[in-house]
Amino acid sequence: MQAILDHDFYCQNQSLGVGNFYSTVQEVTVDPTMPGEIPLLLDQVVKAAPFPTTAWLHEIVLRSGLLSQFFARDVVERAAVVLPEGYDEHPDRRYPVIYEIPGFSGTHRPPARFREAPTKAGEGETDFIRVYLSGNCKWGHHVYADSATNGPRGAALVREMIPHIDAQYRTVPQSNARFVTGHSSGGWSSLWLQVNYPETFGGCWSTAPDPVDFRDFQQVDLYADPPLSLYTDPQGNPRPIARRGTEPFLWFAKFGRMDDVLGRGGQLRSFEAVFSPLGEQGQPQRLWDRTSGQIQPAVAKAWEKYDIRRLLERHWATLGPQLAGKLHIVMGELDTFYLDGATRKLGDSLQALGSDATVEIVPGKGHGNLRTAELVQRFQREMTQQFLQHNAGG
């Protein structure tokens, strides 16, 4: 047995929530016929790991006025800035910026290699300042979407964090020198930001994004009439939510119930926290009935405004010219979480709209082995080309 007093605001994992109180683990034998008490003393505190600051790796800690007003408490946003080699030696040079968003449970702490040396441009690349963001929040991953539960996350990034970084570092502050990328929930975030703030970002490189078309929400059409069940298909077979290759190994019903036991911070509840209106007691409304698994049409209707495919179709007359040359999506053919279906549907929709977006389905790749070092290098070369189109002297 172990007790934890969870009062952390920032982390989806209670055991990692800085400041949370907890007891040591005790092994006890309980006789259910005998009354009594088991003392569990909250004498431990979750401590923050120090940020590995160097001359080229800095942590940004910024109080958000927008989020503080929304939550009626001080809210701090964090990011990491990785400077390129030679930054201090060339005080007159300005640099384009790559914003990278981690997947579910990821933080703003960048890969370990950046603790050892600053970034260095490879062949066919220019030097970039890199900014690592964090979608971590109490409910899971806020995906930089403004929502009833998580607050104005996208607005806080665009109106507060990005201007702060532009003021503190020698960035090229134009949108054609600012790019966004991410994987999984970070992939969805990067695409959402590009579509909703087309004048802020000059290009999005998204890999394995969470569902981008709610007609295929991990194989379930949320808009079906009559409503479908997340738990079983029309033949009554259990619906899988994850697979290894082509073999299912995780199921919607059990995964969803695990989320509810955790109370907050699980992947499915994280989706509800972003996409759902608030219900009773300020909790996100539930998309599906927890007994039958049946989709609740009124809640699915409310989710429409976060359906990226639907958003693009409805506003293409305006968004089309603003997004020209900016959308790049890469998905594994055998995505572990069945995310490839939604990406295929989005690709078909973009093609029908006449978009020049690139939507690439990579044969044989799953969720965890898609974003290779070679693919990231390719992205950086493509970002370089995009930057140099508008900044010939870069």
Protein backbone atom coordinates (compact mmCIF):
# COMPACT_ATOMS: atom_id res chain seq x y z
CA MET A 1 0.00 0.00 0.00
CA GLN A 2 1.04 3.57 -0.66
CA ALA A 3 -0.73 6.88 -0.20
CA ILE A 4 -0.29 9.95 -2.40
CA LEU A 5 -1.75 13.43 -2.04
CA ASP A 6 -1.99 14.64 -5.61
CA HIS A 7 -2.16 18.42 -5.86
CA ASP A 8 0.11 18.91 -8.87
CA PHE A 9 -1.33 21.02 -11.69
CA TYR A 10 1.13 20.38 -14.50
CA CYS A 11 1.77 16.66 -14.91
CA GLN A 12 -0.51 13.85 -16.11
CA ASN A 13 1.39 11.29 -14.01
CA GLN A 14 0.70 11.76 -10.30
CA SER A 15 3.91 10.00 -9.30
CA LEU A 16 5.93 12.60 -11.25
CA GLY A 17 3.93 15.65 -10.12
CA VAL A 18 6.43 17.96 -8.47
CA GLY A 19 5.36 18.83 -4.93
CA ASN A 20 3.03 15.85 -4.49
CA PHE A 21 3.21 14.22 -1.04
CA TYR A 22 3.50 10.44 -0.73
CA SER A 23 4.23 7.69 1.75
CA THR A 24 6.69 4.84 1.61
CA VAL A 25 5.32 1.53 0.34
CA GLN A 26 4.10 -0.88 3.00
CA GLU A 27 3.29 -4.55 2.66
CA VAL A 28 0.40 -5.45 4.93
CA THR A 29 -1.91 -8.39 5.49
CA VAL A 30 -5.55 -7.32 5.75
CA ASP A 31 -8.22 -9.35 7.49
CA PRO A 32 -11.54 -8.05 6.10
CA THR A 33 -13.37 -9.30 9.21
CA MET A 34 -11.28 -7.19 11.57
CA PRO A 35 -11.69 -3.44 11.92
CA GLY A 36 -8.61 -1.30 12.25
CA GLU A 37 -6.41 1.39 10.77
CA ILE A 38 -3.26 1.26 8.65
CA PRO A 39 -1.17 4.41 9.13
CA LEU A 40 0.31 5.79 5.93
CA LEU A 41 2.46 8.85 6.62
CA LEU A 42 2.86 11.40 3.82
CA ASP A 43 6.48 12.21 4.62
CA GLN A 44 7.96 12.16 1.10
CA VAL A 45 7.79 14.89 -1.58
CA VAL A 46 8.20 14.51 -5.34
CA LYS A 47 11.15 16.74 -6.24
CA ALA A 48 11.86 18.42 -9.54
CA ALA A 49 14.85 17.13 -11.48
CA PRO A 50 17.24 20.02 -12.20
CA PHE A 51 17.22 21.29 -15.76
CA PRO A 52 20.56 20.53 -17.49
CA THR A 53 21.41 24.13 -18.42
CA THR A 54 24.51 24.74 -20.55
CA ALA A 55 25.82 27.63 -22.65
CA TRP A 56 23.63 26.47 -25.53
CA LEU A 57 20.72 24.78 -23.69
CA HIS A 58 18.39 27.11 -21.77
CA GLU A 59 15.10 26.65 -19.94
CA ILE A 60 12.34 29.22 -20.44
CA VAL A 61 10.02 29.69 -17.45
CA LEU A 62 7.27 32.12 -18.34
CA ARG A 63 4.18 33.09 -16.36
CA SER A 64 1.22 32.98 -18.72
CA GLY A 65 -1.20 35.84 -18.22
CA LEU A 66 -3.84 34.13 -20.39
CA LEU A 67 -3.71 30.81 -18.55
CA SER A 68 -3.41 32.47 -15.14
CA GLN A 69 -6.56 34.44 -15.82
CA PHE A 70 -8.40 31.33 -17.05
CA PHE A 71 -7.49 29.19 -14.02
CA ALA A 72 -7.54 32.04 -11.47
CA ARG A 73 -4.07 31.02 -10.27
CA ASP A 74 -0.53 31.60 -11.45
CA VAL A 75 0.29 29.28 -14.35
CA VAL A 76 3.84 28.85 -15.60
CA GLU A 77 4.71 27.62 -19.08
CA ARG A 78 8.08 26.01 -19.78
CA ALA A 79 10.14 25.45 -22.90
CA ALA A 80 13.73 24.58 -23.76
CA VAL A 81 15.85 26.52 -26.23
CA VAL A 82 18.76 24.84 -27.99
CA LEU A 83 21.13 27.26 -29.69
CA PRO A 84 23.16 26.38 -32.80
CA GLU A 85 26.92 26.10 -32.90
CA GLY A 86 28.53 29.52 -33.28
CA TYR A 87 25.58 31.46 -31.89
CA ASP A 88 27.73 33.53 -29.51
CA GLU A 89 30.50 33.98 -32.08
CA HIS A 90 28.18 35.61 -34.64
CA PRO A 91 26.29 38.29 -32.70
CA ASP A 92 24.82 39.87 -35.83
CA ARG A 93 23.34 36.70 -37.28
CA ARG A 94 19.68 35.80 -36.88
CA TYR A 95 18.28 32.27 -37.11
CA PRO A 96 15.08 30.48 -38.17
CA VAL A 97 13.32 28.48 -35.45
CA ILE A 98 11.97 24.92 -35.23
CA TYR A 99 9.30 24.36 -32.58
CA GLU A 100 9.05 20.68 -31.60
CA ILE A 101 6.19 19.17 -29.59
CA PRO A 102 6.61 15.79 -27.86
CA GLY A 103 4.04 13.02 -27.80
CA PHE A 104 1.89 11.91 -24.89
CA SER A 105 3.72 12.18 -21.52
CA GLY A 106 6.68 13.95 -23.14
CA THR A 107 8.17 17.09 -21.62
CA HIS A 108 10.15 20.10 -22.80
CA ARG A 109 13.44 18.43 -21.90
CA PRO A 110 15.20 17.82 -25.23
CA PRO A 111 17.05 14.66 -26.27
CA ALA A 112 20.21 13.91 -24.30
CA ARG A 113 22.48 14.66 -27.25
CA PHE A 114 21.80 18.39 -26.83
CA ARG A 115 23.37 18.29 -23.37
CA GLU A 116 26.66 17.30 -24.98
CA ALA A 117 26.94 19.81 -27.82
CA PRO A 118 24.98 22.55 -29.58
CA THR A 119 23.20 21.81 -32.82
CA LYS A 120 25.18 21.83 -36.03
CA ALA A 121 23.81 22.11 -39.53
CA GLY A 122 24.18 19.02 -41.68
CA GLU A 123 24.59 18.82 -45.42
CA GLY A 124 21.87 20.79 -47.19
CA GLU A 125 20.74 22.42 -43.92
CA THR A 126 20.95 25.86 -42.38
CA ASP A 127 21.44 26.50 -38.66
CA PHE A 128 18.26 26.61 -36.59
CA ILE A 129 17.36 27.66 -33.08
CA ARG A 130 15.30 24.79 -31.66
CA VAL A 131 12.52 25.22 -29.15
CA TYR A 132 11.17 22.15 -27.32
CA LEU A 133 7.66 22.59 -25.99
CA SER A 134 5.61 20.45 -23.61
CA GLY A 135 1.96 19.49 -23.98
CA ASN A 136 1.95 17.99 -20.48
CA CYS A 137 -0.94 18.99 -18.25
CA LYS A 138 -3.09 17.56 -15.46
CA TRP A 139 -5.43 15.88 -17.96
CA GLY A 140 -2.73 14.40 -20.20
CA HIS A 141 -1.68 16.29 -23.35
CA HIS A 142 -3.38 19.61 -24.07
CA VAL A 143 -2.20 19.50 -27.74
CA TYR A 144 -2.03 23.33 -27.87
CA ALA A 145 -5.76 23.54 -28.58
CA ASP A 146 -7.85 26.09 -26.70
CA SER A 147 -10.42 24.09 -24.74
CA ALA A 148 -13.02 24.37 -22.00
CA THR A 149 -10.98 22.19 -19.64
CA ASN A 150 -7.36 23.04 -20.44
CA GLY A 151 -7.75 26.73 -21.22
CA PRO A 152 -6.30 28.88 -24.03
CA ARG A 153 -3.21 26.76 -24.72
CA GLY A 154 -2.74 27.68 -28.37
CA ALA A 155 -3.33 31.36 -27.71
CA ALA A 156 -0.82 31.32 -24.85
CA LEU A 157 1.84 29.82 -27.11
CA VAL A 158 1.26 32.21 -30.02
CA ARG A 159 0.62 35.39 -28.06
CA GLU A 160 3.01 34.91 -25.14
CA MET A 161 5.68 32.22 -25.50
CA ILE A 162 6.67 32.83 -29.13
CA PRO A 163 6.97 36.64 -28.73
CA HIS A 164 9.00 36.07 -25.55
CA ILE A 165 11.45 33.80 -27.37
CA ASP A 166 11.70 36.21 -30.29
CA ALA A 167 12.55 38.97 -27.81
CA GLN A 168 15.13 36.93 -25.90
CA TYR A 169 16.99 35.32 -28.81
CA ARG A 170 18.18 36.35 -32.26
CA THR A 171 15.43 34.69 -34.22
CA VAL A 172 14.16 35.65 -37.64
CA PRO A 173 10.76 36.71 -36.28
CA GLN A 174 8.81 36.29 -39.54
CA SER A 175 6.44 33.34 -40.00
CA ASN A 176 8.38 32.08 -43.02
CA ALA A 177 11.28 31.36 -40.65
CA ARG A 178 9.22 29.59 -37.97
CA PHE A 179 8.39 25.88 -38.34
CA VAL A 180 6.54 23.38 -36.17
CA THR A 181 6.90 19.61 -35.91
CA GLY A 182 5.93 16.78 -33.60
CA HIS A 183 5.08 13.11 -33.28
CA SER A 184 1.85 11.38 -32.16
CA SER A 185 -0.02 13.84 -29.89
CA GLY A 186 2.75 16.25 -30.82
CA GLY A 187 2.06 15.49 -34.47
CA TRP A 188 -1.61 16.40 -34.00
CA SER A 189 -0.55 19.53 -32.08
CA SER A 190 1.77 20.70 -34.84
CA LEU A 191 -0.90 20.23 -37.50
CA TRP A 192 -3.54 21.96 -35.36
CA LEU A 193 -1.26 24.95 -34.78
CA GLN A 194 -0.39 25.27 -38.46
CA VAL A 195 -4.04 25.13 -39.53
CA ASN A 196 -5.31 27.49 -36.83
CA TYR A 197 -2.39 29.94 -36.95
CA PRO A 198 -1.36 29.87 -40.63
CA GLU A 199 0.16 33.34 -40.40
CA THR A 200 2.33 32.36 -37.42
CA PHE A 201 4.05 29.24 -38.77
CA GLY A 202 5.74 28.77 -42.13
CA GLY A 203 5.34 25.00 -42.31
CA CYS A 204 4.31 21.92 -40.37
CA TRP A 205 6.02 18.51 -40.43
CA SER A 206 3.75 16.11 -38.56
CA THR A 207 4.40 12.41 -37.94
CA ALA A 208 1.83 9.82 -36.80
CA PRO A 209 -0.69 12.41 -35.58
CA ASP A 210 -3.61 11.47 -33.32
CA PRO A 211 -6.95 11.21 -35.19
CA VAL A 212 -7.17 14.03 -37.74
CA ASP A 213 -10.57 12.91 -39.11
CA PHE A 214 -13.22 11.85 -36.61
CA ARG A 215 -14.87 9.62 -39.19
CA ASP A 216 -12.00 7.29 -38.29
CA PHE A 217 -11.29 7.74 -34.61
CA GLN A 218 -8.99 4.75 -34.28
CA GLN A 219 -11.36 2.85 -36.61
CA VAL A 220 -14.62 4.28 -35.19
CA ASP A 221 -16.83 6.78 -37.06
CA LEU A 222 -17.90 9.19 -34.34
CA TYR A 223 -20.59 10.67 -36.57
CA ALA A 224 -22.31 7.38 -37.50
CA ASP A 225 -26.09 7.27 -37.27
CA PRO A 226 -27.17 5.22 -35.40
CA PRO A 227 -24.25 5.73 -33.00
CA LEU A 228 -21.54 3.08 -32.86
CA SER A 229 -19.92 1.55 -29.81
CA LEU A 230 -16.27 2.07 -28.97
CA TYR A 231 -16.23 -1.30 -27.23
CA THR A 232 -17.58 -3.59 -29.97
CA ASP A 233 -17.98 -3.54 -33.75
CA PRO A 234 -21.40 -4.06 -35.39
CA GLN A 235 -20.85 -7.84 -35.28
CA GLY A 236 -20.28 -7.74 -31.52
CA ASN A 237 -16.52 -8.33 -31.66
CA PRO A 238 -14.30 -6.41 -29.22
CA ARG A 239 -12.71 -3.35 -30.84
CA PRO A 240 -8.92 -3.19 -30.64
CA ILE A 241 -7.20 0.12 -29.92
CA ALA A 242 -3.61 -1.05 -30.52
CA ARG A 243 -1.76 -3.70 -32.49
CA ARG A 244 1.72 -5.10 -33.07
CA GLY A 245 2.09 -5.34 -36.80
CA THR A 246 -1.30 -6.72 -37.77
CA GLU A 247 -2.03 -8.49 -34.45
CA PRO A 248 -4.30 -6.65 -31.96
CA PHE A 249 -3.14 -6.66 -28.33
CA LEU A 250 -5.07 -3.86 -26.58
CA TRP A 251 -8.84 -3.26 -26.50
CA PHE A 252 -10.96 -0.13 -26.22
CA ALA A 253 -13.11 -1.38 -23.33
CA LYS A 254 -10.25 -2.34 -21.02
CA PHE A 255 -8.12 0.64 -21.99
CA GLY A 256 -11.00 3.05 -21.36
CA ARG A 257 -11.77 1.52 -17.97
CA MET A 258 -8.12 1.82 -16.99
CA ASP A 259 -8.32 5.53 -17.87
CA ASP A 260 -11.34 5.97 -15.62
CA VAL A 261 -9.61 4.21 -12.72
CA LEU A 262 -6.66 6.57 -13.08
CA GLY A 263 -9.19 9.42 -12.85
CA ARG A 264 -7.27 11.78 -15.10
CA GLY A 265 -4.22 11.86 -17.28
CA GLY A 266 -4.91 8.80 -19.46
CA GLN A 267 -4.95 9.01 -23.25
CA LEU A 268 -8.72 8.70 -23.82
CA ARG A 269 -9.62 11.04 -20.96
CA SER A 270 -7.02 13.41 -22.37
CA PHE A 271 -8.99 13.51 -25.64
CA GLU A 272 -12.18 14.26 -23.74
CA ALA A 273 -10.44 17.05 -21.81
CA VAL A 274 -9.48 18.74 -25.08
CA PHE A 275 -12.51 18.08 -27.29
CA SER A 276 -15.49 17.94 -24.89
CA PRO A 277 -17.50 20.75 -23.30
CA LEU A 278 -17.61 20.88 -19.53
CA GLY A 279 -20.22 18.79 -17.77
CA GLU A 280 -21.26 18.41 -14.17
CA GLN A 281 -18.77 19.49 -11.51
CA GLY A 282 -16.52 20.99 -14.16
CA GLN A 283 -15.49 17.64 -15.63
CA PRO A 284 -15.14 17.03 -19.39
CA GLN A 285 -18.28 15.49 -20.85
CA ARG A 286 -17.88 11.81 -21.70
CA LEU A 287 -17.88 10.84 -25.35
CA TRP A 288 -19.17 7.31 -24.79
CA ASP A 289 -21.40 5.48 -22.33
CA ARG A 290 -19.09 3.70 -19.93
CA THR A 291 -21.29 0.58 -19.79
CA SER A 292 -22.20 -0.02 -23.44
CA GLY A 293 -19.44 1.97 -25.10
CA GLN A 294 -22.03 3.75 -27.27
CA ILE A 295 -21.01 7.13 -28.65
CA GLN A 296 -23.03 10.06 -27.26
CA PRO A 297 -24.12 12.03 -30.37
CA ALA A 298 -24.39 15.41 -28.61
CA VAL A 299 -20.81 15.17 -27.37
CA ALA A 300 -19.54 13.91 -30.74
CA LYS A 301 -21.24 16.94 -32.32
CA ALA A 302 -19.32 19.22 -29.97
CA TRP A 303 -16.08 17.52 -31.01
CA GLU A 304 -16.59 18.66 -34.62
CA LYS A 305 -14.74 21.95 -34.12
CA TYR A 306 -11.56 19.95 -33.35
CA ASP A 307 -11.90 17.70 -36.42
CA ILE A 308 -8.98 18.93 -38.55
CA ARG A 309 -10.35 17.47 -41.79
CA ARG A 310 -13.73 19.11 -41.24
CA LEU A 311 -12.10 22.40 -40.27
CA LEU A 312 -10.06 22.46 -43.47
CA GLU A 313 -13.04 21.63 -45.67
CA ARG A 314 -15.26 24.28 -44.11
CA HIS A 315 -12.69 27.07 -44.31
CA TRP A 316 -10.66 26.07 -47.36
CA ALA A 317 -11.48 29.22 -49.31
CA THR A 318 -9.55 31.17 -46.70
CA LEU A 319 -7.11 28.55 -45.46
CA GLY A 320 -6.10 27.11 -48.83
CA PRO A 321 -3.94 30.07 -49.94
CA GLN A 322 -2.56 30.54 -46.41
CA LEU A 323 -1.44 26.90 -46.17
CA ALA A 324 0.11 26.56 -49.62
CA GLY A 325 3.36 24.59 -49.31
CA LYS A 326 3.04 24.28 -45.53
CA LEU A 327 1.45 20.89 -44.78
CA HIS A 328 3.61 17.76 -44.55
CA ILE A 329 2.26 14.62 -42.85
CA VAL A 330 4.00 11.23 -42.57
CA MET A 331 2.22 8.14 -41.19
CA GLY A 332 3.17 4.50 -40.82
CA GLU A 333 1.15 2.00 -42.86
CA LEU A 334 0.71 -0.18 -39.78
CA ASP A 335 0.36 2.47 -37.11
CA THR A 336 0.26 0.81 -33.70
CA PHE A 337 -2.83 2.78 -32.64
CA TYR A 338 -4.74 2.55 -35.93
CA LEU A 339 -4.12 6.24 -36.69
CA ASP A 340 -3.36 5.62 -40.35
CA GLY A 341 -7.03 5.41 -41.35
CA ALA A 342 -7.79 9.00 -40.32
CA THR A 343 -4.64 10.26 -42.04
CA ARG A 344 -5.62 8.51 -45.28
CA LYS A 345 -9.05 10.15 -45.13
CA LEU A 346 -7.46 13.55 -44.52
CA GLY A 347 -5.13 12.97 -47.48
CA ASP A 348 -8.10 12.15 -49.73
CA SER A 349 -9.89 15.29 -48.57
CA LEU A 350 -6.86 17.51 -49.16
CA GLN A 351 -6.41 16.06 -52.63
CA ALA A 352 -10.07 16.75 -53.43
CA LEU A 353 -9.62 20.34 -52.23
CA GLY A 354 -6.68 20.81 -54.63
CA SER A 355 -4.13 21.20 -51.81
CA ASP A 356 -0.41 20.78 -52.43
CA ALA A 357 -0.05 19.12 -49.00
CA THR A 358 2.12 16.02 -48.85
CA VAL A 359 0.54 13.08 -47.02
CA GLU A 360 2.91 10.12 -47.01
CA ILE A 361 2.05 6.59 -45.85
CA VAL A 362 5.27 4.66 -45.18
CA PRO A 363 5.01 0.89 -45.90
CA GLY A 364 5.70 -1.44 -42.98
CA LYS A 365 6.17 1.29 -40.38
CA GLY A 366 4.37 1.46 -37.04
CA HIS A 367 4.02 4.21 -34.46
CA GLY A 368 7.32 3.77 -32.66
CA ASN A 369 9.70 3.20 -35.59
CA LEU A 370 8.40 5.83 -38.02
CA ARG A 371 10.28 8.95 -36.92
CA THR A 372 13.86 7.91 -37.66
CA ALA A 373 16.97 10.09 -37.59
CA GLU A 374 16.98 9.98 -41.39
CA LEU A 375 13.40 11.26 -41.56
CA VAL A 376 14.16 14.10 -39.13
CA GLN A 377 17.19 15.08 -41.24
CA ARG A 378 15.00 15.08 -44.33
CA PHE A 379 12.56 17.38 -42.56
CA GLN A 380 15.38 19.77 -41.66
CA ARG A 381 16.52 19.93 -45.27
CA GLU A 382 12.95 20.64 -46.36
CA MET A 383 12.61 23.34 -43.71
CA THR A 384 15.88 24.83 -44.92
CA GLN A 385 14.58 24.99 -48.48
CA GLN A 386 11.36 26.59 -47.26
CA PHE A 387 13.33 29.16 -45.28
CA LEU A 388 15.72 30.00 -48.11
CA GLN A 389 12.85 30.61 -50.53
CA HIS A 390 12.02 33.70 -48.49
CA ASN A 391 15.43 34.47 -46.94
CA ALA A 392 18.01 34.12 -49.69
CA GLY A 393 20.84 35.31 -47.46
CA GLY A 394 20.08 32.76 -44.71
